[in-house]
Amino acid sequence: MLTILNVAVVAGETAEHHTELPMPAIAYGGIIMGALLLLMFATIAFTSLGHRHEAVEEHADPHRQHPNKHDHGEASQH
């Protein structure tokens, strides 16, 4: 176990390969923050869509056990 650890340490010391980032690290944070702010503003812009119209009471047929809440024109044919 110790020899494997020694080999890993020696291999890590001899490998001097370093890859530069294409832009500074702070730029990645700025891009992510900008994207999240854009998503937040889009969410805030559409929060009031459900409150534009007055709530309407739903008609329920008293003779049906389970009212059809997804009426696709069946009720008007009878």
PDB file of N, CA and C in Angstrom:
ATOM      1  N   MET A   1       0.838  -1.189   0.000  1.00  0.00           N
ATOM      2  CA  MET A   1       0.000   0.000   0.000  1.00  0.00           C
ATOM      3  C   MET A   1       0.875   1.242   0.000  1.00  0.00           C
ATOM      4  N   LEU A   2       1.919   1.226   0.790  1.00  0.00           N
ATOM      5  CA  LEU A   2       2.781   2.398   0.882  1.00  0.00           C
ATOM      6  C   LEU A   2       3.558   2.612  -0.408  1.00  0.00           C
ATOM      7  N   THR A   3       3.935   1.535  -1.077  1.00  0.00           N
ATOM      8  CA  THR A   3       4.670   1.706  -2.333  1.00  0.00           C
ATOM      9  C   THR A   3       3.763   2.290  -3.415  1.00  0.00           C
ATOM     10  N   ILE A   4       2.500   1.921  -3.407  1.00  0.00           N
ATOM     11  CA  ILE A   4       1.570   2.496  -4.383  1.00  0.00           C
ATOM     12  C   ILE A   4       1.413   3.989  -4.130  1.00  0.00           C
ATOM     13  N   LEU A   5       1.352   4.369  -2.859  1.00  0.00           N
ATOM     14  CA  LEU A   5       1.248   5.778  -2.506  1.00  0.00           C
ATOM     15  C   LEU A   5       2.509   6.525  -2.911  1.00  0.00           C
ATOM     16  N   ASN A   6       3.681   5.913  -2.703  1.00  0.00           N
ATOM     17  CA  ASN A   6       4.938   6.544  -3.105  1.00  0.00           C
ATOM     18  C   ASN A   6       5.001   6.722  -4.618  1.00  0.00           C
ATOM     19  N   VAL A   7       4.550   5.716  -5.357  1.00  0.00           N
ATOM     20  CA  VAL A   7       4.538   5.821  -6.820  1.00  0.00           C
ATOM     21  C   VAL A   7       3.619   6.955  -7.259  1.00  0.00           C
ATOM     22  N   ALA A   8       2.477   7.102  -6.613  1.00  0.00           N
ATOM     23  CA  ALA A   8       1.543   8.168  -6.962  1.00  0.00           C
ATOM     24  C   ALA A   8       2.138   9.541  -6.673  1.00  0.00           C
ATOM     25  N   VAL A   9       2.865   9.672  -5.564  1.00  0.00           N
ATOM     26  CA  VAL A   9       3.482  10.954  -5.210  1.00  0.00           C
ATOM     27  C   VAL A   9       4.581  11.299  -6.200  1.00  0.00           C
ATOM     28  N   VAL A  10       5.413  10.325  -6.537  1.00  0.00           N
ATOM     29  CA  VAL A  10       6.503  10.569  -7.485  1.00  0.00           C
ATOM     30  C   VAL A  10       5.942  10.905  -8.862  1.00  0.00           C
ATOM     31  N   ALA A  11       4.897  10.205  -9.280  1.00  0.00           N
ATOM     32  CA  ALA A  11       4.290  10.484 -10.579  1.00  0.00           C
ATOM     33  C   ALA A  11       3.670  11.875 -10.594  1.00  0.00           C
ATOM     34  N   GLY A  12       3.110  12.294  -9.489  1.00  0.00           N
ATOM     35  CA  GLY A  12       2.529  13.626  -9.402  1.00  0.00           C
ATOM     36  C   GLY A  12       3.578  14.715  -9.447  1.00  0.00           C
ATOM     37  N   GLU A  13       4.751  14.453  -8.861  1.00  0.00           N
ATOM     38  CA  GLU A  13       5.822  15.442  -8.871  1.00  0.00           C
ATOM     39  C   GLU A  13       6.472  15.557 -10.240  1.00  0.00           C
ATOM     40  N   THR A  14       6.577  14.460 -10.953  1.00  0.00           N
ATOM     41  CA  THR A  14       7.244  14.503 -12.253  1.00  0.00           C
ATOM     42  C   THR A  14       6.330  15.057 -13.338  1.00  0.00           C
ATOM     43  N   ALA A  15       5.038  14.939 -13.187  1.00  0.00           N
ATOM     44  CA  ALA A  15       4.111  15.460 -14.196  1.00  0.00           C
ATOM     45  C   ALA A  15       3.917  16.944 -13.956  1.00  0.00           C
ATOM     46  N   GLU A  16       4.519  17.764 -14.777  1.00  0.00           N
ATOM     47  CA  GLU A  16       4.453  19.221 -14.630  1.00  0.00           C
ATOM     48  C   GLU A  16       3.510  19.842 -15.654  1.00  0.00           C
ATOM     49  N   HIS A  17       2.580  19.066 -16.178  1.00  0.00           N
ATOM     50  CA  HIS A  17       1.669  19.564 -17.212  1.00  0.00           C
ATOM     51  C   HIS A  17       0.602  20.440 -16.568  1.00  0.00           C
ATOM     52  N   HIS A  18       0.470  21.667 -17.073  1.00  0.00           N
ATOM     53  CA  HIS A  18      -0.513  22.614 -16.539  1.00  0.00           C
ATOM     54  C   HIS A  18      -1.290  23.208 -17.710  1.00  0.00           C
ATOM     55  N   THR A  19      -2.612  23.153 -17.637  1.00  0.00           N
ATOM     56  CA  THR A  19      -3.461  23.685 -18.698  1.00  0.00           C
ATOM     57  C   THR A  19      -4.064  25.005 -18.239  1.00  0.00           C
ATOM     58  N   GLU A  20      -3.897  26.036 -19.051  1.00  0.00           N
ATOM     59  CA  GLU A  20      -4.460  27.346 -18.733  1.00  0.00           C
ATOM     60  C   GLU A  20      -5.930  27.393 -19.127  1.00  0.00           C
ATOM     61  N   LEU A  21      -6.714  28.111 -18.357  1.00  0.00           N
ATOM     62  CA  LEU A  21      -8.119  28.324 -18.689  1.00  0.00           C
ATOM     63  C   LEU A  21      -8.210  29.368 -19.801  1.00  0.00           C
ATOM     64  N   PRO A  22      -9.211  29.291 -20.657  1.00  0.00           N
ATOM     65  CA  PRO A  22      -9.316  30.267 -21.745  1.00  0.00           C
ATOM     66  C   PRO A  22      -9.681  31.677 -21.275  1.00  0.00           C
ATOM     67  N   MET A  23     -10.210  31.805 -20.060  1.00  0.00           N
ATOM     68  CA  MET A  23     -10.516  33.122 -19.509  1.00  0.00           C
ATOM     69  C   MET A  23     -10.300  33.055 -17.999  1.00  0.00           C
ATOM     70  N   PRO A  24     -10.221  34.198 -17.337  1.00  0.00           N
ATOM     71  CA  PRO A  24     -10.010  34.179 -15.883  1.00  0.00           C
ATOM     72  C   PRO A  24     -11.149  33.474 -15.146  1.00  0.00           C
ATOM     73  N   ALA A  25     -10.854  32.949 -13.985  1.00  0.00           N
ATOM     74  CA  ALA A  25     -11.845  32.194 -13.211  1.00  0.00           C
ATOM     75  C   ALA A  25     -13.027  33.067 -12.807  1.00  0.00           C
ATOM     76  N   ILE A  26     -12.787  34.351 -12.551  1.00  0.00           N
ATOM     77  CA  ILE A  26     -13.880  35.241 -12.148  1.00  0.00           C
ATOM     78  C   ILE A  26     -14.888  35.418 -13.284  1.00  0.00           C
ATOM     79  N   ALA A  27     -14.450  35.268 -14.528  1.00  0.00           N
ATOM     80  CA  ALA A  27     -15.358  35.403 -15.669  1.00  0.00           C
ATOM     81  C   ALA A  27     -16.374  34.269 -15.694  1.00  0.00           C
ATOM     82  N   TYR A  28     -15.959  33.067 -15.293  1.00  0.00           N
ATOM     83  CA  TYR A  28     -16.910  31.951 -15.236  1.00  0.00           C
ATOM     84  C   TYR A  28     -18.010  32.245 -14.221  1.00  0.00           C
ATOM     85  N   GLY A  29     -17.633  32.771 -13.072  1.00  0.00           N
ATOM     86  CA  GLY A  29     -18.624  33.141 -12.062  1.00  0.00           C
ATOM     87  C   GLY A  29     -19.546  34.239 -12.554  1.00  0.00           C
ATOM     88  N   GLY A  30     -18.991  35.216 -13.284  1.00  0.00           N
ATOM     89  CA  GLY A  30     -19.811  36.294 -13.831  1.00  0.00           C
ATOM     90  C   GLY A  30     -20.814  35.796 -14.856  1.00  0.00           C
ATOM     91  N   ILE A  31     -20.381  34.866 -15.704  1.00  0.00           N
ATOM     92  CA  ILE A  31     -21.289  34.308 -16.712  1.00  0.00           C
ATOM     93  C   ILE A  31     -22.411  33.525 -16.043  1.00  0.00           C
ATOM     94  N   ILE A  32     -22.076  32.711 -15.059  1.00  0.00           N
ATOM     95  CA  ILE A  32     -23.090  31.918 -14.359  1.00  0.00           C
ATOM     96  C   ILE A  32     -24.056  32.830 -13.602  1.00  0.00           C
ATOM     97  N   MET A  33     -23.510  33.871 -12.953  1.00  0.00           N
ATOM     98  CA  MET A  33     -24.366  34.794 -12.215  1.00  0.00           C
ATOM     99  C   MET A  33     -25.303  35.532 -13.169  1.00  0.00           C
ATOM    100  N   GLY A  34     -24.797  35.955 -14.322  1.00  0.00           N
ATOM    101  CA  GLY A  34     -25.635  36.626 -15.310  1.00  0.00           C
ATOM    102  C   GLY A  34     -26.747  35.730 -15.824  1.00  0.00           C
ATOM    103  N   ALA A  35     -26.420  34.458 -16.078  1.00  0.00           N
ATOM    104  CA  ALA A  35     -27.436  33.517 -16.561  1.00  0.00           C
ATOM    105  C   ALA A  35     -28.510  33.289 -15.504  1.00  0.00           C
ATOM    106  N   LEU A  36     -28.100  33.136 -14.256  1.00  0.00           N
ATOM    107  CA  LEU A  36     -29.078  32.920 -13.188  1.00  0.00           C
ATOM    108  C   LEU A  36     -29.936  34.164 -12.947  1.00  0.00           C
ATOM    109  N   LEU A  37     -29.334  35.353 -13.056  1.00  0.00           N
ATOM    110  CA  LEU A  37     -30.123  36.579 -12.926  1.00  0.00           C
ATOM    111  C   LEU A  37     -31.132  36.705 -14.064  1.00  0.00           C
ATOM    112  N   LEU A  38     -30.728  36.333 -15.268  1.00  0.00           N
ATOM    113  CA  LEU A  38     -31.653  36.358 -16.399  1.00  0.00           C
ATOM    114  C   LEU A  38     -32.824  35.413 -16.168  1.00  0.00           C
ATOM    115  N   LEU A  39     -32.552  34.217 -15.662  1.00  0.00           N
ATOM    116  CA  LEU A  39     -33.629  33.271 -15.354  1.00  0.00           C
ATOM    117  C   LEU A  39     -34.525  33.792 -14.230  1.00  0.00           C
ATOM    118  N   MET A  40     -33.927  34.457 -13.235  1.00  0.00           N
ATOM    119  CA  MET A  40     -34.717  35.008 -12.134  1.00  0.00           C
ATOM    120  C   MET A  40     -35.653  36.112 -12.639  1.00  0.00           C
ATOM    121  N   PHE A  41     -35.131  37.001 -13.504  1.00  0.00           N
ATOM    122  CA  PHE A  41     -35.974  38.080 -14.026  1.00  0.00           C
ATOM    123  C   PHE A  41     -37.083  37.532 -14.920  1.00  0.00           C
ATOM    124  N   ALA A  42     -36.807  36.476 -15.671  1.00  0.00           N
ATOM    125  CA  ALA A  42     -37.853  35.850 -16.486  1.00  0.00           C
ATOM    126  C   ALA A  42     -38.924  35.241 -15.591  1.00  0.00           C
ATOM    127  N   THR A  43     -38.520  34.641 -14.488  1.00  0.00           N
ATOM    128  CA  THR A  43     -39.480  34.065 -13.543  1.00  0.00           C
ATOM    129  C   THR A  43     -40.336  35.154 -12.910  1.00  0.00           C
ATOM    130  N   ILE A  44     -39.704  36.252 -12.510  1.00  0.00           N
ATOM    131  CA  ILE A  44     -40.437  37.356 -11.891  1.00  0.00           C
ATOM    132  C   ILE A  44     -41.405  37.984 -12.893  1.00  0.00           C
ATOM    133  N   ALA A  45     -41.007  38.078 -14.160  1.00  0.00           N
ATOM    134  CA  ALA A  45     -41.856  38.701 -15.172  1.00  0.00           C
ATOM    135  C   ALA A  45     -43.139  37.912 -15.406  1.00  0.00           C
ATOM    136  N   PHE A  46     -43.105  36.601 -15.231  1.00  0.00           N
ATOM    137  CA  PHE A  46     -44.274  35.776 -15.528  1.00  0.00           C
ATOM    138  C   PHE A  46     -45.016  35.300 -14.282  1.00  0.00           C
ATOM    139  N   THR A  47     -44.715  35.844 -13.113  1.00  0.00           N
ATOM    140  CA  THR A  47     -45.392  35.380 -11.897  1.00  0.00           C
ATOM    141  C   THR A  47     -46.841  35.831 -11.827  1.00  0.00           C
ATOM    142  N   SER A  48     -47.185  36.962 -12.412  1.00  0.00           N
ATOM    143  CA  SER A  48     -48.547  37.486 -12.276  1.00  0.00           C
ATOM    144  C   SER A  48     -49.477  37.032 -13.391  1.00  0.00           C
ATOM    145  N   LEU A  49     -49.087  36.115 -14.229  1.00  0.00           N
ATOM    146  CA  LEU A  49     -49.949  35.678 -15.330  1.00  0.00           C
ATOM    147  C   LEU A  49     -51.220  35.008 -14.834  1.00  0.00           C
ATOM    148  N   GLY A  50     -51.167  34.317 -13.734  1.00  0.00           N
ATOM    149  CA  GLY A  50     -52.343  33.634 -13.222  1.00  0.00           C
ATOM    150  C   GLY A  50     -53.326  34.553 -12.526  1.00  0.00           C
ATOM    151  N   HIS A  51     -52.949  35.794 -12.264  1.00  0.00           N
ATOM    152  CA  HIS A  51     -53.804  36.716 -11.519  1.00  0.00           C
ATOM    153  C   HIS A  51     -54.411  37.797 -12.404  1.00  0.00           C
ATOM    154  N   ARG A  52     -54.361  37.642 -13.715  1.00  0.00           N
ATOM    155  CA  ARG A  52     -54.871  38.677 -14.613  1.00  0.00           C
ATOM    156  C   ARG A  52     -56.388  38.692 -14.707  1.00  0.00           C
ATOM    157  N   HIS A  53     -57.033  37.557 -14.552  1.00  0.00           N
ATOM    158  CA  HIS A  53     -58.483  37.467 -14.714  1.00  0.00           C
ATOM    159  C   HIS A  53     -59.139  37.082 -13.394  1.00  0.00           C
ATOM    160  N   GLU A  54     -60.401  37.471 -13.303  1.00  0.00           N
ATOM    161  CA  GLU A  54     -61.176  37.143 -12.108  1.00  0.00           C
ATOM    162  C   GLU A  54     -61.494  35.650 -12.096  1.00  0.00           C
ATOM    163  N   ALA A  55     -61.480  35.042 -10.936  1.00  0.00           N
ATOM    164  CA  ALA A  55     -61.793  33.618 -10.810  1.00  0.00           C
ATOM    165  C   ALA A  55     -63.273  33.398 -11.089  1.00  0.00           C
ATOM    166  N   VAL A  56     -63.582  32.351 -11.846  1.00  0.00           N
ATOM    167  CA  VAL A  56     -64.960  32.032 -12.222  1.00  0.00           C
ATOM    168  C   VAL A  56     -65.339  30.720 -11.555  1.00  0.00           C
ATOM    169  N   GLU A  57     -66.562  30.698 -11.002  1.00  0.00           N
ATOM    170  CA  GLU A  57     -67.052  29.483 -10.355  1.00  0.00           C
ATOM    171  C   GLU A  57     -67.265  28.400 -11.403  1.00  0.00           C
ATOM    172  N   GLU A  58     -66.812  27.199 -11.128  1.00  0.00           N
ATOM    173  CA  GLU A  58     -66.935  26.090 -12.065  1.00  0.00           C
ATOM    174  C   GLU A  58     -68.308  25.447 -11.934  1.00  0.00           C
ATOM    175  N   HIS A  59     -68.941  25.179 -13.084  1.00  0.00           N
ATOM    176  CA  HIS A  59     -70.250  24.533 -13.084  1.00  0.00           C
ATOM    177  C   HIS A  59     -70.070  23.035 -12.868  1.00  0.00           C
ATOM    178  N   ALA A  60     -70.748  22.499 -11.880  1.00  0.00           N
ATOM    179  CA  ALA A  60     -70.691  21.058 -11.615  1.00  0.00           C
ATOM    180  C   ALA A  60     -72.098  20.490 -11.747  1.00  0.00           C
ATOM    181  N   ASP A  61     -72.253  19.460 -12.550  1.00  0.00           N
ATOM    182  CA  ASP A  61     -73.542  18.797 -12.751  1.00  0.00           C
ATOM    183  C   ASP A  61     -73.852  17.974 -11.501  1.00  0.00           C
ATOM    184  N   PRO A  62     -74.981  18.235 -10.812  1.00  0.00           N
ATOM    185  CA  PRO A  62     -75.265  17.499  -9.574  1.00  0.00           C
ATOM    186  C   PRO A  62     -75.593  16.029  -9.809  1.00  0.00           C
ATOM    187  N   HIS A  63     -75.917  15.636 -11.045  1.00  0.00           N
ATOM    188  CA  HIS A  63     -76.269  14.248 -11.334  1.00  0.00           C
ATOM    189  C   HIS A  63     -75.058  13.382 -11.683  1.00  0.00           C
ATOM    190  N   ARG A  64     -73.932  13.984 -11.843  1.00  0.00           N
ATOM    191  CA  ARG A  64     -72.711  13.222 -12.129  1.00  0.00           C
ATOM    192  C   ARG A  64     -71.978  12.967 -10.825  1.00  0.00           C
ATOM    193  N   GLN A  65     -71.435  11.785 -10.689  1.00  0.00           N
ATOM    194  CA  GLN A  65     -70.660  11.504  -9.489  1.00  0.00           C
ATOM    195  C   GLN A  65     -69.316  12.219  -9.533  1.00  0.00           C
ATOM    196  N   HIS A  66     -68.686  12.193 -10.701  1.00  0.00           N
ATOM    197  CA  HIS A  66     -67.378  12.829 -10.858  1.00  0.00           C
ATOM    198  C   HIS A  66     -67.489  13.861 -11.973  1.00  0.00           C
ATOM    199  N   PRO A  67     -67.508  15.134 -11.628  1.00  0.00           N
ATOM    200  CA  PRO A  67     -67.663  16.152 -12.666  1.00  0.00           C
ATOM    201  C   PRO A  67     -66.483  16.124 -13.637  1.00  0.00           C
ATOM    202  N   ASN A  68     -66.800  16.357 -14.922  1.00  0.00           N
ATOM    203  CA  ASN A  68     -65.785  16.357 -15.967  1.00  0.00           C
ATOM    204  C   ASN A  68     -65.065  17.700 -15.922  1.00  0.00           C
ATOM    205  N   LYS A  69     -63.902  17.723 -15.346  1.00  0.00           N
ATOM    206  CA  LYS A  69     -63.163  18.971 -15.230  1.00  0.00           C
ATOM    207  C   LYS A  69     -62.379  19.287 -16.498  1.00  0.00           C
ATOM    208  N   HIS A  70     -62.272  18.316 -17.381  1.00  0.00           N
ATOM    209  CA  HIS A  70     -61.540  18.512 -18.629  1.00  0.00           C
ATOM    210  C   HIS A  70     -62.512  18.351 -19.794  1.00  0.00           C
ATOM    211  N   ASP A  71     -63.522  19.199 -19.827  1.00  0.00           N
ATOM    212  CA  ASP A  71     -64.568  19.108 -20.839  1.00  0.00           C
ATOM    213  C   ASP A  71     -64.003  19.504 -22.199  1.00  0.00           C
ATOM    214  N   HIS A  72     -64.110  18.593 -23.156  1.00  0.00           N
ATOM    215  CA  HIS A  72     -63.638  18.851 -24.515  1.00  0.00           C
ATOM    216  C   HIS A  72     -64.820  18.938 -25.471  1.00  0.00           C
ATOM    217  N   GLY A  73     -65.904  19.553 -25.047  1.00  0.00           N
ATOM    218  CA  GLY A  73     -67.072  19.718 -25.892  1.00  0.00           C
ATOM    219  C   GLY A  73     -68.116  18.638 -25.714  1.00  0.00           C
ATOM    220  N   GLU A  74     -67.918  17.673 -24.831  1.00  0.00           N
ATOM    221  CA  GLU A  74     -68.896  16.602 -24.646  1.00  0.00           C
ATOM    222  C   GLU A  74     -70.170  17.116 -23.987  1.00  0.00           C
ATOM    223  N   ALA A  75     -70.077  18.084 -23.114  1.00  0.00           N
ATOM    224  CA  ALA A  75     -71.243  18.561 -22.373  1.00  0.00           C
ATOM    225  C   ALA A  75     -72.205  19.312 -23.289  1.00  0.00           C
ATOM    226  N   SER A  76     -71.720  19.989 -24.314  1.00  0.00           N
ATOM    227  CA  SER A  76     -72.600  20.764 -25.184  1.00  0.00           C
ATOM    228  C   SER A  76     -73.345  19.893 -26.185  1.00  0.00           C
ATOM    229  N   GLN A  77     -72.975  18.634 -26.374  1.00  0.00           N
ATOM    230  CA  GLN A  77     -73.628  17.753 -27.330  1.00  0.00           C
ATOM    231  C   GLN A  77     -74.906  17.148 -26.773  1.00  0.00           C
ATOM    232  N   HIS A  78     -75.117  17.125 -25.493  1.00  0.00           N
ATOM    233  CA  HIS A  78     -76.283  16.469 -24.882  1.00  0.00           C
ATOM    234  C   HIS A  78     -77.484  17.348 -24.926  1.00  0.00           C
TER     235      HIS A  78
END
